[in-house]
Amino acid sequence: MKKGVIYILFAILLSISIGAQINTIYADTNVKEAMNMKKKQTVLAVKKETPKLTKNQAREVHTNAQAIDYKQQPTSTKTMVMEATAYTANCTGCSGITRTGQNLKANPNQKVIAVDPTIIPLGSKVHVEGYGTAIAGDTGGDIKGNRIDLFIPNRQNALKYGRQQVTIEIIE
């Protein structure tokens, strides 16, 4: 009898310590039966509190987390340091029409850069340090390799720009 009471007390204390529910145990309940009942309840309580993921569920959670990370990545694809000079559409022999057909005389506030298309594809959106975001829309005879030419509408400002090392970022 003492053993049975000890088992019941142990089961009750164990149940209380992990937060399992305690059902009424009637006098005619067998001690072993009561212990088994308590063990089942304890296991159920633990399972409810700490559900485990299957491998497929874990992969899905990991994949979803990666998808979120990719969405938060910057859209920049390439950063380079280039030598930059400036040009204008208002010069003798200049048509003001870019390689991609943009009329810079009619649109003097447009941000356009001349590039080597083997380095920066024509039509690319590019952020140029100190100039802003521009379209790679023109080419030039001296624009080879890591050189770009920035369109600046005013001839004096274009000459004043001179030759500078700039960081560019190809956005799209």
C-alpha atoms as a PDB file:
ATOM      1  CA  MET A   1       0.000   0.000   0.000  1.00  0.00           C
ATOM      2  CA  LYS A   2       2.796   2.428   0.870  1.00  0.00           C
ATOM      3  CA  LYS A   3       4.421   1.732  -2.489  1.00  0.00           C
ATOM      4  CA  GLY A   4       1.165   2.566  -4.277  1.00  0.00           C
ATOM      5  CA  VAL A   5       0.774   5.845  -2.418  1.00  0.00           C
ATOM      6  CA  ILE A   6       4.377   6.773  -3.161  1.00  0.00           C
ATOM      7  CA  TYR A   7       3.861   6.028  -6.878  1.00  0.00           C
ATOM      8  CA  ILE A   8       0.706   8.139  -6.924  1.00  0.00           C
ATOM      9  CA  LEU A   9       2.407  11.025  -5.108  1.00  0.00           C
ATOM     10  CA  PHE A  10       5.377  10.764  -7.469  1.00  0.00           C
ATOM     11  CA  ALA A  11       3.056  10.791 -10.487  1.00  0.00           C
ATOM     12  CA  ILE A  12       1.160  13.793  -9.134  1.00  0.00           C
ATOM     13  CA  LEU A  13       4.359  15.744  -8.407  1.00  0.00           C
ATOM     14  CA  LEU A  14       5.767  14.872 -11.815  1.00  0.00           C
ATOM     15  CA  SER A  15       2.540  15.949 -13.486  1.00  0.00           C
ATOM     16  CA  ILE A  16       2.482  19.235 -11.592  1.00  0.00           C
ATOM     17  CA  SER A  17       6.134  19.995 -12.356  1.00  0.00           C
ATOM     18  CA  ILE A  18       5.603  19.742 -16.125  1.00  0.00           C
ATOM     19  CA  GLY A  19       2.103  21.174 -16.142  1.00  0.00           C
ATOM     20  CA  ALA A  20       0.191  18.015 -17.072  1.00  0.00           C
ATOM     21  CA  GLN A  21      -3.468  17.733 -16.187  1.00  0.00           C
ATOM     22  CA  ILE A  22      -4.380  15.581 -13.188  1.00  0.00           C
ATOM     23  CA  ASN A  23      -7.507  13.489 -13.468  1.00  0.00           C
ATOM     24  CA  THR A  24      -9.329  12.108 -10.429  1.00  0.00           C
ATOM     25  CA  ILE A  25      -8.086   8.650  -9.524  1.00  0.00           C
ATOM     26  CA  TYR A  26     -10.777   6.529  -7.964  1.00  0.00           C
ATOM     27  CA  ALA A  27     -10.125   4.142  -5.071  1.00  0.00           C
ATOM     28  CA  ASP A  28     -10.652   1.068  -7.244  1.00  0.00           C
ATOM     29  CA  THR A  29      -8.002   2.191  -9.767  1.00  0.00           C
ATOM     30  CA  ASN A  30      -4.988  -0.060  -9.892  1.00  0.00           C
ATOM     31  CA  VAL A  31      -1.683   1.696  -9.047  1.00  0.00           C
ATOM     32  CA  LYS A  32       0.007   0.439 -12.235  1.00  0.00           C
ATOM     33  CA  GLU A  33      -2.987   1.604 -14.240  1.00  0.00           C
ATOM     34  CA  ALA A  34      -2.794   5.036 -12.584  1.00  0.00           C
ATOM     35  CA  MET A  35       0.926   5.269 -13.337  1.00  0.00           C
ATOM     36  CA  ASN A  36       0.349   4.339 -16.992  1.00  0.00           C
ATOM     37  CA  MET A  37      -2.416   6.917 -17.194  1.00  0.00           C
ATOM     38  CA  LYS A  38      -0.117   9.591 -15.772  1.00  0.00           C
ATOM     39  CA  LYS A  39       2.706   8.648 -18.157  1.00  0.00           C
ATOM     40  CA  LYS A  40       0.361   8.950 -21.141  1.00  0.00           C
ATOM     41  CA  GLN A  41      -0.859  12.331 -19.954  1.00  0.00           C
ATOM     42  CA  THR A  42       2.686  13.523 -19.397  1.00  0.00           C
ATOM     43  CA  VAL A  43       3.764  12.463 -22.878  1.00  0.00           C
ATOM     44  CA  LEU A  44       0.739  14.156 -24.411  1.00  0.00           C
ATOM     45  CA  ALA A  45       1.459  17.363 -22.511  1.00  0.00           C
ATOM     46  CA  VAL A  46       5.058  17.396 -23.682  1.00  0.00           C
ATOM     47  CA  LYS A  47       4.046  16.709 -27.278  1.00  0.00           C
ATOM     48  CA  LYS A  48       1.571  19.578 -27.208  1.00  0.00           C
ATOM     49  CA  GLU A  49       4.175  22.015 -25.885  1.00  0.00           C
ATOM     50  CA  THR A  50       7.057  21.065 -28.200  1.00  0.00           C
ATOM     51  CA  PRO A  51       5.793  20.001 -31.624  1.00  0.00           C
ATOM     52  CA  LYS A  52       8.518  18.737 -33.934  1.00  0.00           C
ATOM     53  CA  LEU A  53       8.751  19.495 -37.640  1.00  0.00           C
ATOM     54  CA  THR A  54       9.144  16.799 -40.224  1.00  0.00           C
ATOM     55  CA  LYS A  55      12.092  17.084 -42.609  1.00  0.00           C
ATOM     56  CA  ASN A  56       9.783  18.398 -45.345  1.00  0.00           C
ATOM     57  CA  GLN A  57       8.310  21.033 -43.026  1.00  0.00           C
ATOM     58  CA  ALA A  58      11.797  22.091 -41.929  1.00  0.00           C
ATOM     59  CA  ARG A  59      12.895  22.409 -45.571  1.00  0.00           C
ATOM     60  CA  GLU A  60       9.789  24.475 -46.333  1.00  0.00           C
ATOM     61  CA  VAL A  61      10.503  26.834 -43.425  1.00  0.00           C
ATOM     62  CA  HIS A  62      14.146  27.128 -44.567  1.00  0.00           C
ATOM     63  CA  THR A  63      13.082  27.777 -48.179  1.00  0.00           C
ATOM     64  CA  ASN A  64      10.573  30.444 -47.112  1.00  0.00           C
ATOM     65  CA  ALA A  65      13.231  32.135 -44.979  1.00  0.00           C
ATOM     66  CA  GLN A  66      15.591  32.152 -47.952  1.00  0.00           C
ATOM     67  CA  ALA A  67      12.895  33.652 -50.162  1.00  0.00           C
ATOM     68  CA  ILE A  68      12.439  36.490 -47.687  1.00  0.00           C
ATOM     69  CA  ASP A  69      16.181  37.084 -47.582  1.00  0.00           C
ATOM     70  CA  TYR A  70      16.411  37.239 -51.368  1.00  0.00           C
ATOM     71  CA  LYS A  71      13.640  39.800 -51.512  1.00  0.00           C
ATOM     72  CA  GLN A  72      15.585  41.977 -49.110  1.00  0.00           C
ATOM     73  CA  GLN A  73      18.806  41.820 -51.126  1.00  0.00           C
ATOM     74  CA  PRO A  74      19.793  44.983 -52.983  1.00  0.00           C
ATOM     75  CA  THR A  75      19.101  44.908 -56.711  1.00  0.00           C
ATOM     76  CA  SER A  76      22.634  46.023 -57.618  1.00  0.00           C
ATOM     77  CA  THR A  77      24.419  43.457 -59.743  1.00  0.00           C
ATOM     78  CA  LYS A  78      27.875  44.948 -60.177  1.00  0.00           C
ATOM     79  CA  THR A  79      30.010  47.728 -58.688  1.00  0.00           C
ATOM     80  CA  MET A  80      33.118  49.131 -60.411  1.00  0.00           C
ATOM     81  CA  VAL A  81      35.518  52.039 -60.235  1.00  0.00           C
ATOM     82  CA  MET A  82      35.733  53.894 -63.540  1.00  0.00           C
ATOM     83  CA  GLU A  83      37.381  56.940 -65.027  1.00  0.00           C
ATOM     84  CA  ALA A  84      34.705  59.506 -65.832  1.00  0.00           C
ATOM     85  CA  THR A  85      34.758  62.509 -68.132  1.00  0.00           C
ATOM     86  CA  ALA A  86      31.869  64.693 -69.277  1.00  0.00           C
ATOM     87  CA  TYR A  87      30.418  65.595 -72.657  1.00  0.00           C
ATOM     88  CA  THR A  88      27.737  67.891 -73.968  1.00  0.00           C
ATOM     89  CA  ALA A  89      25.342  67.859 -76.906  1.00  0.00           C
ATOM     90  CA  ASN A  90      26.059  71.511 -77.696  1.00  0.00           C
ATOM     91  CA  CYS A  91      29.244  71.354 -79.726  1.00  0.00           C
ATOM     92  CA  THR A  92      30.216  71.729 -83.369  1.00  0.00           C
ATOM     93  CA  GLY A  93      29.331  68.539 -85.210  1.00  0.00           C
ATOM     94  CA  CYS A  94      27.311  67.099 -82.305  1.00  0.00           C
ATOM     95  CA  SER A  95      23.838  65.893 -83.256  1.00  0.00           C
ATOM     96  CA  GLY A  96      22.636  65.474 -79.687  1.00  0.00           C
ATOM     97  CA  ILE A  97      21.190  62.051 -80.583  1.00  0.00           C
ATOM     98  CA  THR A  98      22.575  59.175 -78.522  1.00  0.00           C
ATOM     99  CA  ARG A  99      23.404  55.680 -79.752  1.00  0.00           C
ATOM    100  CA  THR A 100      20.037  54.514 -78.380  1.00  0.00           C
ATOM    101  CA  GLY A 101      18.125  57.351 -80.092  1.00  0.00           C
ATOM    102  CA  GLN A 102      17.624  59.795 -77.209  1.00  0.00           C
ATOM    103  CA  ASN A 103      17.605  63.471 -78.190  1.00  0.00           C
ATOM    104  CA  LEU A 104      19.751  65.232 -75.576  1.00  0.00           C
ATOM    105  CA  LYS A 105      19.223  68.708 -77.094  1.00  0.00           C
ATOM    106  CA  ALA A 106      15.456  68.307 -76.692  1.00  0.00           C
ATOM    107  CA  ASN A 107      15.869  66.716 -73.219  1.00  0.00           C
ATOM    108  CA  PRO A 108      18.793  68.526 -71.559  1.00  0.00           C
ATOM    109  CA  ASN A 109      17.902  67.341 -68.029  1.00  0.00           C
ATOM    110  CA  GLN A 110      18.108  63.669 -68.936  1.00  0.00           C
ATOM    111  CA  LYS A 111      20.824  61.677 -67.120  1.00  0.00           C
ATOM    112  CA  VAL A 112      22.709  59.678 -69.756  1.00  0.00           C
ATOM    113  CA  ILE A 113      26.177  58.165 -69.785  1.00  0.00           C
ATOM    114  CA  ALA A 114      28.299  56.960 -72.679  1.00  0.00           C
ATOM    115  CA  VAL A 115      29.773  53.502 -72.051  1.00  0.00           C
ATOM    116  CA  ASP A 116      31.736  50.677 -73.602  1.00  0.00           C
ATOM    117  CA  PRO A 117      28.852  48.248 -74.318  1.00  0.00           C
ATOM    118  CA  THR A 118      31.133  45.247 -73.716  1.00  0.00           C
ATOM    119  CA  ILE A 119      31.515  46.422 -70.087  1.00  0.00           C
ATOM    120  CA  ILE A 120      28.105  48.031 -69.415  1.00  0.00           C
ATOM    121  CA  PRO A 121      25.266  46.981 -71.742  1.00  0.00           C
ATOM    122  CA  LEU A 122      23.388  49.789 -73.480  1.00  0.00           C
ATOM    123  CA  GLY A 123      20.062  50.465 -71.772  1.00  0.00           C
ATOM    124  CA  SER A 124      21.404  49.570 -68.310  1.00  0.00           C
ATOM    125  CA  LYS A 125      20.342  51.647 -65.336  1.00  0.00           C
ATOM    126  CA  VAL A 126      23.509  52.813 -63.563  1.00  0.00           C
ATOM    127  CA  HIS A 127      24.143  54.796 -60.386  1.00  0.00           C
ATOM    128  CA  VAL A 128      27.216  57.020 -60.745  1.00  0.00           C
ATOM    129  CA  GLU A 129      28.835  58.483 -57.644  1.00  0.00           C
ATOM    130  CA  GLY A 130      28.350  62.276 -57.646  1.00  0.00           C
ATOM    131  CA  TYR A 131      26.112  62.221 -60.745  1.00  0.00           C
ATOM    132  CA  GLY A 132      23.120  60.121 -59.760  1.00  0.00           C
ATOM    133  CA  THR A 133      21.148  57.439 -61.546  1.00  0.00           C
ATOM    134  CA  ALA A 134      21.497  57.447 -65.318  1.00  0.00           C
ATOM    135  CA  ILE A 135      20.835  55.310 -68.374  1.00  0.00           C
ATOM    136  CA  ALA A 136      23.743  53.837 -70.316  1.00  0.00           C
ATOM    137  CA  GLY A 137      22.460  55.221 -73.602  1.00  0.00           C
ATOM    138  CA  ASP A 138      25.446  56.366 -75.616  1.00  0.00           C
ATOM    139  CA  THR A 139      28.879  55.281 -76.829  1.00  0.00           C
ATOM    140  CA  GLY A 140      31.925  57.282 -77.812  1.00  0.00           C
ATOM    141  CA  GLY A 141      35.147  56.851 -79.777  1.00  0.00           C
ATOM    142  CA  ASP A 142      37.343  57.184 -76.678  1.00  0.00           C
ATOM    143  CA  ILE A 143      35.029  55.284 -74.347  1.00  0.00           C
ATOM    144  CA  LYS A 144      36.733  51.892 -74.071  1.00  0.00           C
ATOM    145  CA  GLY A 145      37.108  49.592 -71.079  1.00  0.00           C
ATOM    146  CA  ASN A 146      36.557  51.154 -67.656  1.00  0.00           C
ATOM    147  CA  ARG A 147      35.761  54.647 -68.928  1.00  0.00           C
ATOM    148  CA  ILE A 148      32.438  56.461 -68.979  1.00  0.00           C
ATOM    149  CA  ASP A 149      31.347  59.851 -70.278  1.00  0.00           C
ATOM    150  CA  LEU A 150      28.634  61.733 -68.355  1.00  0.00           C
ATOM    151  CA  PHE A 151      26.182  63.908 -70.270  1.00  0.00           C
ATOM    152  CA  ILE A 152      26.164  67.430 -68.827  1.00  0.00           C
ATOM    153  CA  PRO A 153      24.004  69.915 -70.787  1.00  0.00           C
ATOM    154  CA  ASN A 154      26.127  73.011 -70.134  1.00  0.00           C
ATOM    155  CA  ARG A 155      29.486  73.052 -72.000  1.00  0.00           C
ATOM    156  CA  GLN A 156      31.310  75.028 -69.268  1.00  0.00           C
ATOM    157  CA  ASN A 157      30.138  72.612 -66.545  1.00  0.00           C
ATOM    158  CA  ALA A 158      31.184  69.673 -68.704  1.00  0.00           C
ATOM    159  CA  LEU A 159      34.709  71.124 -69.089  1.00  0.00           C
ATOM    160  CA  LYS A 160      34.811  71.968 -65.376  1.00  0.00           C
ATOM    161  CA  TYR A 161      34.000  68.321 -64.492  1.00  0.00           C
ATOM    162  CA  GLY A 162      37.356  67.239 -65.895  1.00  0.00           C
ATOM    163  CA  ARG A 163      38.507  63.655 -65.338  1.00  0.00           C
ATOM    164  CA  GLN A 164      37.528  61.810 -62.124  1.00  0.00           C
ATOM    165  CA  GLN A 165      37.610  58.335 -60.632  1.00  0.00           C
ATOM    166  CA  VAL A 166      34.030  57.353 -59.689  1.00  0.00           C
ATOM    167  CA  THR A 167      32.319  54.296 -58.306  1.00  0.00           C
ATOM    168  CA  ILE A 168      29.442  53.086 -60.426  1.00  0.00           C
ATOM    169  CA  GLU A 169      26.793  50.521 -59.644  1.00  0.00           C
ATOM    170  CA  ILE A 170      24.887  48.713 -62.384  1.00  0.00           C
ATOM    171  CA  ILE A 171      21.337  48.494 -61.050  1.00  0.00           C
ATOM    172  CA  GLU A 172      19.534  46.755 -63.925  1.00  0.00           C
END
